[in-house]
Amino acid sequence: METLQQFISAFSTAWQQADWVFLLLFGVFFITVWFLPSLLALVFNRQHAGKIALLNIPAGFSWIAWVALAVWAVTGKLGDKLAAKARLKPVA
């Protein structure tokens, strides 16, 4: 328990000594990582980018849900590719 208190004390001291540039950069980095699945969905022009962005807000609290959204954002058109393969013309 004492180790946890020492960690919290050290973290608090470091946070209080941080300047506004560091805090701004940390905030930008944090928001970018939090909304990375949404950004990936926009970059890959996914059909469900709006749903991914909406689900990204609560999913940031769970690494499992966040990773699932990131996978969905990256592999969104995989189902279309598999469906196109299933509709191959028969060999004559």
PDB file of N, CA and C in Angstrom:
ATOM      1  N   MET A   1       0.828  -1.185   0.000  1.00  0.00           N
ATOM      2  CA  MET A   1       0.000   0.000   0.000  1.00  0.00           C
ATOM      3  C   MET A   1       0.877   1.256   0.000  1.00  0.00           C
ATOM      4  N   GLU A   2       2.005   1.155   0.681  1.00  0.00           N
ATOM      5  CA  GLU A   2       2.904   2.304   0.747  1.00  0.00           C
ATOM      6  C   GLU A   2       3.520   2.589  -0.619  1.00  0.00           C
ATOM      7  N   THR A   3       3.777   1.534  -1.393  1.00  0.00           N
ATOM      8  CA  THR A   3       4.338   1.709  -2.732  1.00  0.00           C
ATOM      9  C   THR A   3       3.346   2.446  -3.625  1.00  0.00           C
ATOM     10  N   LEU A   4       2.076   2.131  -3.511  1.00  0.00           N
ATOM     11  CA  LEU A   4       1.048   2.811  -4.290  1.00  0.00           C
ATOM     12  C   LEU A   4       0.970   4.288  -3.906  1.00  0.00           C
ATOM     13  N   GLN A   5       1.078   4.572  -2.632  1.00  0.00           N
ATOM     14  CA  GLN A   5       1.055   5.965  -2.185  1.00  0.00           C
ATOM     15  C   GLN A   5       2.278   6.725  -2.693  1.00  0.00           C
ATOM     16  N   GLN A   6       3.429   6.073  -2.720  1.00  0.00           N
ATOM     17  CA  GLN A   6       4.632   6.715  -3.254  1.00  0.00           C
ATOM     18  C   GLN A   6       4.479   6.996  -4.744  1.00  0.00           C
ATOM     19  N   PHE A   7       3.894   6.061  -5.480  1.00  0.00           N
ATOM     20  CA  PHE A   7       3.657   6.252  -6.905  1.00  0.00           C
ATOM     21  C   PHE A   7       2.705   7.413  -7.149  1.00  0.00           C
ATOM     22  N   ILE A   8       1.620   7.465  -6.398  1.00  0.00           N
ATOM     23  CA  ILE A   8       0.649   8.552  -6.551  1.00  0.00           C
ATOM     24  C   ILE A   8       1.293   9.888  -6.205  1.00  0.00           C
ATOM     25  N   SER A   9       2.107   9.911  -5.171  1.00  0.00           N
ATOM     26  CA  SER A   9       2.788  11.137  -4.778  1.00  0.00           C
ATOM     27  C   SER A   9       3.771  11.592  -5.863  1.00  0.00           C
ATOM     28  N   ALA A  10       4.536  10.660  -6.407  1.00  0.00           N
ATOM     29  CA  ALA A  10       5.500  11.006  -7.471  1.00  0.00           C
ATOM     30  C   ALA A  10       4.774  11.477  -8.717  1.00  0.00           C
ATOM     31  N   PHE A  11       3.676  10.812  -9.082  1.00  0.00           N
ATOM     32  CA  PHE A  11       2.900  11.207 -10.254  1.00  0.00           C
ATOM     33  C   PHE A  11       2.285  12.583 -10.063  1.00  0.00           C
ATOM     34  N   SER A  12       1.777  12.841  -8.874  1.00  0.00           N
ATOM     35  CA  SER A  12       1.172  14.141  -8.573  1.00  0.00           C
ATOM     36  C   SER A  12       2.204  15.254  -8.655  1.00  0.00           C
ATOM     37  N   THR A  13       3.375  15.009  -8.113  1.00  0.00           N
ATOM     38  CA  THR A  13       4.444  16.007  -8.160  1.00  0.00           C
ATOM     39  C   THR A  13       4.868  16.282  -9.602  1.00  0.00           C
ATOM     40  N   ALA A  14       5.027  15.235 -10.399  1.00  0.00           N
ATOM     41  CA  ALA A  14       5.430  15.413 -11.797  1.00  0.00           C
ATOM     42  C   ALA A  14       4.354  16.146 -12.578  1.00  0.00           C
ATOM     43  N   TRP A  15       3.092  15.847 -12.305  1.00  0.00           N
ATOM     44  CA  TRP A  15       1.981  16.498 -13.011  1.00  0.00           C
ATOM     45  C   TRP A  15       1.917  17.981 -12.675  1.00  0.00           C
ATOM     46  N   GLN A  16       2.178  18.327 -11.423  1.00  0.00           N
ATOM     47  CA  GLN A  16       2.132  19.725 -11.002  1.00  0.00           C
ATOM     48  C   GLN A  16       3.301  20.522 -11.573  1.00  0.00           C
ATOM     49  N   GLN A  17       4.419  19.874 -11.837  1.00  0.00           N
ATOM     50  CA  GLN A  17       5.585  20.573 -12.361  1.00  0.00           C
ATOM     51  C   GLN A  17       5.576  20.679 -13.885  1.00  0.00           C
ATOM     52  N   ALA A  18       4.618  20.036 -14.539  1.00  0.00           N
ATOM     53  CA  ALA A  18       4.554  20.060 -16.000  1.00  0.00           C
ATOM     54  C   ALA A  18       4.120  21.444 -16.483  1.00  0.00           C
ATOM     55  N   ASP A  19       4.709  21.870 -17.600  1.00  0.00           N
ATOM     56  CA  ASP A  19       4.328  23.167 -18.161  1.00  0.00           C
ATOM     57  C   ASP A  19       3.144  22.982 -19.113  1.00  0.00           C
ATOM     58  N   TRP A  20       2.595  24.085 -19.589  1.00  0.00           N
ATOM     59  CA  TRP A  20       1.370  24.032 -20.389  1.00  0.00           C
ATOM     60  C   TRP A  20       1.611  23.423 -21.765  1.00  0.00           C
ATOM     61  N   VAL A  21       2.818  23.523 -22.296  1.00  0.00           N
ATOM     62  CA  VAL A  21       3.116  22.919 -23.601  1.00  0.00           C
ATOM     63  C   VAL A  21       3.052  21.396 -23.493  1.00  0.00           C
ATOM     64  N   PHE A  22       3.655  20.852 -22.444  1.00  0.00           N
ATOM     65  CA  PHE A  22       3.607  19.414 -22.230  1.00  0.00           C
ATOM     66  C   PHE A  22       2.165  18.947 -22.045  1.00  0.00           C
ATOM     67  N   LEU A  23       1.395  19.678 -21.244  1.00  0.00           N
ATOM     68  CA  LEU A  23       0.006  19.296 -21.014  1.00  0.00           C
ATOM     69  C   LEU A  23      -0.813  19.356 -22.301  1.00  0.00           C
ATOM     70  N   LEU A  24      -0.562  20.340 -23.132  1.00  0.00           N
ATOM     71  CA  LEU A  24      -1.268  20.454 -24.400  1.00  0.00           C
ATOM     72  C   LEU A  24      -0.897  19.294 -25.323  1.00  0.00           C
ATOM     73  N   LEU A  25       0.399  18.994 -25.427  1.00  0.00           N
ATOM     74  CA  LEU A  25       0.829  17.874 -26.262  1.00  0.00           C
ATOM     75  C   LEU A  25       0.313  16.540 -25.725  1.00  0.00           C
ATOM     76  N   PHE A  26       0.314  16.386 -24.422  1.00  0.00           N
ATOM     77  CA  PHE A  26      -0.220  15.168 -23.822  1.00  0.00           C
ATOM     78  C   PHE A  26      -1.704  15.029 -24.127  1.00  0.00           C
ATOM     79  N   GLY A  27      -2.442  16.138 -24.034  1.00  0.00           N
ATOM     80  CA  GLY A  27      -3.878  16.110 -24.337  1.00  0.00           C
ATOM     81  C   GLY A  27      -4.150  15.750 -25.788  1.00  0.00           C
ATOM     82  N   VAL A  28      -3.388  16.316 -26.703  1.00  0.00           N
ATOM     83  CA  VAL A  28      -3.555  15.994 -28.124  1.00  0.00           C
ATOM     84  C   VAL A  28      -3.228  14.523 -28.377  1.00  0.00           C
ATOM     85  N   PHE A  29      -2.145  14.042 -27.782  1.00  0.00           N
ATOM     86  CA  PHE A  29      -1.769  12.635 -27.929  1.00  0.00           C
ATOM     87  C   PHE A  29      -2.856  11.725 -27.358  1.00  0.00           C
ATOM     88  N   PHE A  30      -3.374  12.057 -26.188  1.00  0.00           N
ATOM     89  CA  PHE A  30      -4.393  11.242 -25.531  1.00  0.00           C
ATOM     90  C   PHE A  30      -5.656  11.170 -26.381  1.00  0.00           C
ATOM     91  N   ILE A  31      -6.121  12.316 -26.884  1.00  0.00           N
ATOM     92  CA  ILE A  31      -7.335  12.348 -27.708  1.00  0.00           C
ATOM     93  C   ILE A  31      -7.106  11.590 -29.020  1.00  0.00           C
ATOM     94  N   THR A  32      -5.920  11.715 -29.597  1.00  0.00           N
ATOM     95  CA  THR A  32      -5.619  11.005 -30.845  1.00  0.00           C
ATOM     96  C   THR A  32      -5.655   9.499 -30.645  1.00  0.00           C
ATOM     97  N   VAL A  33      -5.055   9.017 -29.574  1.00  0.00           N
ATOM     98  CA  VAL A  33      -5.067   7.581 -29.308  1.00  0.00           C
ATOM     99  C   VAL A  33      -6.485   7.116 -28.980  1.00  0.00           C
ATOM    100  N   TRP A  34      -7.227   7.907 -28.216  1.00  0.00           N
ATOM    101  CA  TRP A  34      -8.588   7.532 -27.830  1.00  0.00           C
ATOM    102  C   TRP A  34      -9.470   7.366 -29.072  1.00  0.00           C
ATOM    103  N   PHE A  35      -9.350   8.289 -30.034  1.00  0.00           N
ATOM    104  CA  PHE A  35     -10.195   8.261 -31.223  1.00  0.00           C
ATOM    105  C   PHE A  35      -9.487   7.665 -32.437  1.00  0.00           C
ATOM    106  N   LEU A  36      -8.448   6.885 -32.226  1.00  0.00           N
ATOM    107  CA  LEU A  36      -7.729   6.260 -33.328  1.00  0.00           C
ATOM    108  C   LEU A  36      -8.624   5.377 -34.201  1.00  0.00           C
ATOM    109  N   PRO A  37      -9.526   4.558 -33.641  1.00  0.00           N
ATOM    110  CA  PRO A  37     -10.410   3.786 -34.524  1.00  0.00           C
ATOM    111  C   PRO A  37     -11.277   4.676 -35.420  1.00  0.00           C
ATOM    112  N   SER A  38     -11.745   5.795 -34.899  1.00  0.00           N
ATOM    113  CA  SER A  38     -12.545   6.709 -35.712  1.00  0.00           C
ATOM    114  C   SER A  38     -11.694   7.330 -36.818  1.00  0.00           C
ATOM    115  N   LEU A  39     -10.471   7.703 -36.484  1.00  0.00           N
ATOM    116  CA  LEU A  39      -9.577   8.269 -37.491  1.00  0.00           C
ATOM    117  C   LEU A  39      -9.236   7.240 -38.571  1.00  0.00           C
ATOM    118  N   LEU A  40      -9.027   5.996 -38.163  1.00  0.00           N
ATOM    119  CA  LEU A  40      -8.758   4.944 -39.137  1.00  0.00           C
ATOM    120  C   LEU A  40      -9.958   4.716 -40.044  1.00  0.00           C
ATOM    121  N   ALA A  41     -11.163   4.766 -39.471  1.00  0.00           N
ATOM    122  CA  ALA A  41     -12.373   4.598 -40.288  1.00  0.00           C
ATOM    123  C   ALA A  41     -12.504   5.727 -41.302  1.00  0.00           C
ATOM    124  N   LEU A  42     -12.131   6.934 -40.929  1.00  0.00           N
ATOM    125  CA  LEU A  42     -12.176   8.051 -41.873  1.00  0.00           C
ATOM    126  C   LEU A  42     -11.109   7.913 -42.952  1.00  0.00           C
ATOM    127  N   VAL A  43      -9.911   7.488 -42.561  1.00  0.00           N
ATOM    128  CA  VAL A  43      -8.832   7.332 -43.526  1.00  0.00           C
ATOM    129  C   VAL A  43      -9.162   6.246 -44.539  1.00  0.00           C
ATOM    130  N   PHE A  44      -9.722   5.130 -44.071  1.00  0.00           N
ATOM    131  CA  PHE A  44     -10.062   4.029 -44.959  1.00  0.00           C
ATOM    132  C   PHE A  44     -11.445   4.202 -45.596  1.00  0.00           C
ATOM    133  N   ASN A  45     -12.109   5.326 -45.326  1.00  0.00           N
ATOM    134  CA  ASN A  45     -13.399   5.670 -45.930  1.00  0.00           C
ATOM    135  C   ASN A  45     -14.427   4.551 -45.719  1.00  0.00           C
ATOM    136  N   ARG A  46     -14.605   4.169 -44.487  1.00  0.00           N
ATOM    137  CA  ARG A  46     -15.527   3.090 -44.152  1.00  0.00           C
ATOM    138  C   ARG A  46     -16.974   3.569 -44.169  1.00  0.00           C
ATOM    139  N   GLN A  47     -17.847   2.675 -44.566  1.00  0.00           N
ATOM    140  CA  GLN A  47     -19.276   2.962 -44.641  1.00  0.00           C
ATOM    141  C   GLN A  47     -19.848   3.237 -43.248  1.00  0.00           C
ATOM    142  N   HIS A  48     -19.338   2.588 -42.230  1.00  0.00           N
ATOM    143  CA  HIS A  48     -19.850   2.701 -40.868  1.00  0.00           C
ATOM    144  C   HIS A  48     -18.996   3.625 -40.006  1.00  0.00           C
ATOM    145  N   ALA A  49     -18.371   4.619 -40.599  1.00  0.00           N
ATOM    146  CA  ALA A  49     -17.493   5.517 -39.844  1.00  0.00           C
ATOM    147  C   ALA A  49     -18.260   6.264 -38.756  1.00  0.00           C
ATOM    148  N   GLY A  50     -19.489   6.633 -39.021  1.00  0.00           N
ATOM    149  CA  GLY A  50     -20.298   7.322 -38.009  1.00  0.00           C
ATOM    150  C   GLY A  50     -20.588   6.436 -36.810  1.00  0.00           C
ATOM    151  N   LYS A  51     -20.919   5.183 -37.065  1.00  0.00           N
ATOM    152  CA  LYS A  51     -21.176   4.243 -35.971  1.00  0.00           C
ATOM    153  C   LYS A  51     -19.904   3.979 -35.168  1.00  0.00           C
ATOM    154  N   ILE A  52     -18.800   3.857 -35.879  1.00  0.00           N
ATOM    155  CA  ILE A  52     -17.523   3.626 -35.197  1.00  0.00           C
ATOM    156  C   ILE A  52     -17.181   4.823 -34.322  1.00  0.00           C
ATOM    157  N   ALA A  53     -17.396   6.039 -34.837  1.00  0.00           N
ATOM    158  CA  ALA A  53     -17.102   7.247 -34.054  1.00  0.00           C
ATOM    159  C   ALA A  53     -17.994   7.330 -32.820  1.00  0.00           C
ATOM    160  N   LEU A  54     -19.258   6.982 -32.973  1.00  0.00           N
ATOM    161  CA  LEU A  54     -20.181   7.037 -31.841  1.00  0.00           C
ATOM    162  C   LEU A  54     -19.821   5.988 -30.791  1.00  0.00           C
ATOM    163  N   LEU A  55     -19.477   4.801 -31.238  1.00  0.00           N
ATOM    164  CA  LEU A  55     -19.109   3.742 -30.296  1.00  0.00           C
ATOM    165  C   LEU A  55     -17.725   3.940 -29.706  1.00  0.00           C
ATOM    166  N   ASN A  56     -16.924   4.774 -30.342  1.00  0.00           N
ATOM    167  CA  ASN A  56     -15.557   5.005 -29.880  1.00  0.00           C
ATOM    168  C   ASN A  56     -15.519   5.750 -28.541  1.00  0.00           C
ATOM    169  N   ILE A  57     -16.527   6.554 -28.266  1.00  0.00           N
ATOM    170  CA  ILE A  57     -16.532   7.338 -27.024  1.00  0.00           C
ATOM    171  C   ILE A  57     -16.550   6.427 -25.794  1.00  0.00           C
ATOM    172  N   PRO A  58     -17.519   5.509 -25.661  1.00  0.00           N
ATOM    173  CA  PRO A  58     -17.464   4.637 -24.477  1.00  0.00           C
ATOM    174  C   PRO A  58     -16.433   3.515 -24.610  1.00  0.00           C
ATOM    175  N   ALA A  59     -16.056   3.156 -25.834  1.00  0.00           N
ATOM    176  CA  ALA A  59     -15.116   2.046 -26.019  1.00  0.00           C
ATOM    177  C   ALA A  59     -13.725   2.394 -25.521  1.00  0.00           C
ATOM    178  N   GLY A  60     -13.416   3.665 -25.384  1.00  0.00           N
ATOM    179  CA  GLY A  60     -12.106   4.053 -24.890  1.00  0.00           C
ATOM    180  C   GLY A  60     -11.851   3.615 -23.466  1.00  0.00           C
ATOM    181  N   PHE A  61     -12.911   3.309 -22.730  1.00  0.00           N
ATOM    182  CA  PHE A  61     -12.751   2.856 -21.351  1.00  0.00           C
ATOM    183  C   PHE A  61     -12.410   1.372 -21.271  1.00  0.00           C
ATOM    184  N   SER A  62     -12.545   0.646 -22.378  1.00  0.00           N
ATOM    185  CA  SER A  62     -12.277  -0.783 -22.405  1.00  0.00           C
ATOM    186  C   SER A  62     -11.316  -1.080 -23.545  1.00  0.00           C
ATOM    187  N   TRP A  63     -10.167  -1.641 -23.217  1.00  0.00           N
ATOM    188  CA  TRP A  63      -9.200  -1.952 -24.263  1.00  0.00           C
ATOM    189  C   TRP A  63      -9.739  -2.980 -25.237  1.00  0.00           C
ATOM    190  N   ILE A  64     -10.540  -3.909 -24.758  1.00  0.00           N
ATOM    191  CA  ILE A  64     -11.095  -4.944 -25.631  1.00  0.00           C
ATOM    192  C   ILE A  64     -12.020  -4.308 -26.664  1.00  0.00           C
ATOM    193  N   ALA A  65     -12.921  -3.446 -26.231  1.00  0.00           N
ATOM    194  CA  ALA A  65     -13.832  -2.781 -27.155  1.00  0.00           C
ATOM    195  C   ALA A  65     -13.076  -1.833 -28.080  1.00  0.00           C
ATOM    196  N   TRP A  66     -12.060  -1.163 -27.570  1.00  0.00           N
ATOM    197  CA  TRP A  66     -11.274  -0.237 -28.383  1.00  0.00           C
ATOM    198  C   TRP A  66     -10.553  -0.988 -29.498  1.00  0.00           C
ATOM    199  N   VAL A  67      -9.947  -2.132 -29.160  1.00  0.00           N
ATOM    200  CA  VAL A  67      -9.250  -2.931 -30.162  1.00  0.00           C
ATOM    201  C   VAL A  67     -10.251  -3.489 -31.172  1.00  0.00           C
ATOM    202  N   ALA A  68     -11.425  -3.911 -30.716  1.00  0.00           N
ATOM    203  CA  ALA A  68     -12.449  -4.414 -31.636  1.00  0.00           C
ATOM    204  C   ALA A  68     -12.871  -3.325 -32.620  1.00  0.00           C
ATOM    205  N   LEU A  69     -13.037  -2.105 -32.152  1.00  0.00           N
ATOM    206  CA  LEU A  69     -13.379  -1.006 -33.046  1.00  0.00           C
ATOM    207  C   LEU A  69     -12.249  -0.711 -34.022  1.00  0.00           C
ATOM    208  N   ALA A  70     -11.025  -0.789 -33.565  1.00  0.00           N
ATOM    209  CA  ALA A  70      -9.889  -0.561 -34.464  1.00  0.00           C
ATOM    210  C   ALA A  70      -9.845  -1.629 -35.555  1.00  0.00           C
ATOM    211  N   VAL A  71     -10.114  -2.870 -35.194  1.00  0.00           N
ATOM    212  CA  VAL A  71     -10.154  -3.948 -36.185  1.00  0.00           C
ATOM    213  C   VAL A  71     -11.299  -3.717 -37.168  1.00  0.00           C
ATOM    214  N   TRP A  72     -12.462  -3.315 -36.659  1.00  0.00           N
ATOM    215  CA  TRP A  72     -13.609  -3.031 -37.513  1.00  0.00           C
ATOM    216  C   TRP A  72     -13.278  -1.881 -38.475  1.00  0.00           C
ATOM    217  N   ALA A  73     -12.598  -0.873 -37.981  1.00  0.00           N
ATOM    218  CA  ALA A  73     -12.259   0.280 -38.811  1.00  0.00           C
ATOM    219  C   ALA A  73     -11.278  -0.088 -39.920  1.00  0.00           C
ATOM    220  N   VAL A  74     -10.383  -1.020 -39.639  1.00  0.00           N
ATOM    221  CA  VAL A  74      -9.369  -1.390 -40.623  1.00  0.00           C
ATOM    222  C   VAL A  74      -9.895  -2.429 -41.613  1.00  0.00           C
ATOM    223  N   THR A  75     -10.740  -3.354 -41.161  1.00  0.00           N
ATOM    224  CA  THR A  75     -11.203  -4.454 -42.011  1.00  0.00           C
ATOM    225  C   THR A  75     -12.658  -4.296 -42.407  1.00  0.00           C
ATOM    226  N   GLY A  76     -13.155  -3.099 -42.500  1.00  0.00           N
ATOM    227  CA  GLY A  76     -14.573  -2.869 -42.779  1.00  0.00           C
ATOM    228  C   GLY A  76     -15.053  -3.416 -44.101  1.00  0.00           C
ATOM    229  N   LYS A  77     -14.246  -3.380 -45.133  1.00  0.00           N
ATOM    230  CA  LYS A  77     -14.670  -3.833 -46.451  1.00  0.00           C
ATOM    231  C   LYS A  77     -14.306  -5.290 -46.715  1.00  0.00           C
ATOM    232  N   LEU A  78     -13.820  -5.980 -45.722  1.00  0.00           N
ATOM    233  CA  LEU A  78     -13.452  -7.375 -45.896  1.00  0.00           C
ATOM    234  C   LEU A  78     -14.673  -8.215 -46.238  1.00  0.00           C
ATOM    235  N   GLY A  79     -15.811  -7.910 -45.630  1.00  0.00           N
ATOM    236  CA  GLY A  79     -17.040  -8.638 -45.926  1.00  0.00           C
ATOM    237  C   GLY A  79     -17.444  -8.468 -47.374  1.00  0.00           C
ATOM    238  N   ASP A  80     -17.274  -7.289 -47.941  1.00  0.00           N
ATOM    239  CA  ASP A  80     -17.584  -7.053 -49.344  1.00  0.00           C
ATOM    240  C   ASP A  80     -16.672  -7.877 -50.243  1.00  0.00           C
ATOM    241  N   LYS A  81     -15.409  -7.974 -49.895  1.00  0.00           N
ATOM    242  CA  LYS A  81     -14.472  -8.766 -50.694  1.00  0.00           C
ATOM    243  C   LYS A  81     -14.839 -10.246 -50.654  1.00  0.00           C
ATOM    244  N   LEU A  82     -15.211 -10.744 -49.469  1.00  0.00           N
ATOM    245  CA  LEU A  82     -15.589 -12.146 -49.357  1.00  0.00           C
ATOM    246  C   LEU A  82     -16.880 -12.424 -50.110  1.00  0.00           C
ATOM    247  N   ALA A  83     -17.826 -11.488 -50.065  1.00  0.00           N
ATOM    248  CA  ALA A  83     -19.072 -11.661 -50.804  1.00  0.00           C
ATOM    249  C   ALA A  83     -18.818 -11.658 -52.304  1.00  0.00           C
ATOM    250  N   ALA A  84     -17.911 -10.822 -52.761  1.00  0.00           N
ATOM    251  CA  ALA A  84     -17.582 -10.794 -54.188  1.00  0.00           C
ATOM    252  C   ALA A  84     -16.926 -12.108 -54.607  1.00  0.00           C
ATOM    253  N   LYS A  85     -16.090 -12.680 -53.756  1.00  0.00           N
ATOM    254  CA  LYS A  85     -15.469 -13.963 -54.075  1.00  0.00           C
ATOM    255  C   LYS A  85     -16.506 -15.070 -54.136  1.00  0.00           C
ATOM    256  N   ALA A  86     -17.509 -15.003 -53.279  1.00  0.00           N
ATOM    257  CA  ALA A  86     -18.538 -16.043 -53.251  1.00  0.00           C
ATOM    258  C   ALA A  86     -19.389 -16.003 -54.513  1.00  0.00           C
ATOM    259  N   ARG A  87     -19.464 -14.872 -55.183  1.00  0.00           N
ATOM    260  CA  ARG A  87     -20.266 -14.731 -56.403  1.00  0.00           C
ATOM    261  C   ARG A  87     -19.441 -14.921 -57.666  1.00  0.00           C
ATOM    262  N   LEU A  88     -18.418 -15.749 -57.612  1.00  0.00           N
ATOM    263  CA  LEU A  88     -17.591 -16.003 -58.784  1.00  0.00           C
ATOM    264  C   LEU A  88     -18.407 -16.750 -59.844  1.00  0.00           C
ATOM    265  N   LYS A  89     -18.093 -16.468 -61.083  1.00  0.00           N
ATOM    266  CA  LYS A  89     -18.781 -17.137 -62.199  1.00  0.00           C
ATOM    267  C   LYS A  89     -18.274 -18.586 -62.269  1.00  0.00           C
ATOM    268  N   PRO A  90     -19.176 -19.495 -62.582  1.00  0.00           N
ATOM    269  CA  PRO A  90     -18.736 -20.898 -62.707  1.00  0.00           C
ATOM    270  C   PRO A  90     -17.820 -21.067 -63.917  1.00  0.00           C
ATOM    271  N   VAL A  91     -16.896 -21.992 -63.784  1.00  0.00           N
ATOM    272  CA  VAL A  91     -15.958 -22.265 -64.865  1.00  0.00           C
ATOM    273  C   VAL A  91     -16.695 -23.056 -65.939  1.00  0.00           C
ATOM    274  N   ALA A  92     -16.619 -22.625 -67.192  1.00  0.00           N
ATOM    275  CA  ALA A  92     -17.348 -23.274 -68.282  1.00  0.00           C
ATOM    276  C   ALA A  92     -16.607 -24.435 -68.866  1.00  0.00           C
TER     277      ALA A  92
END
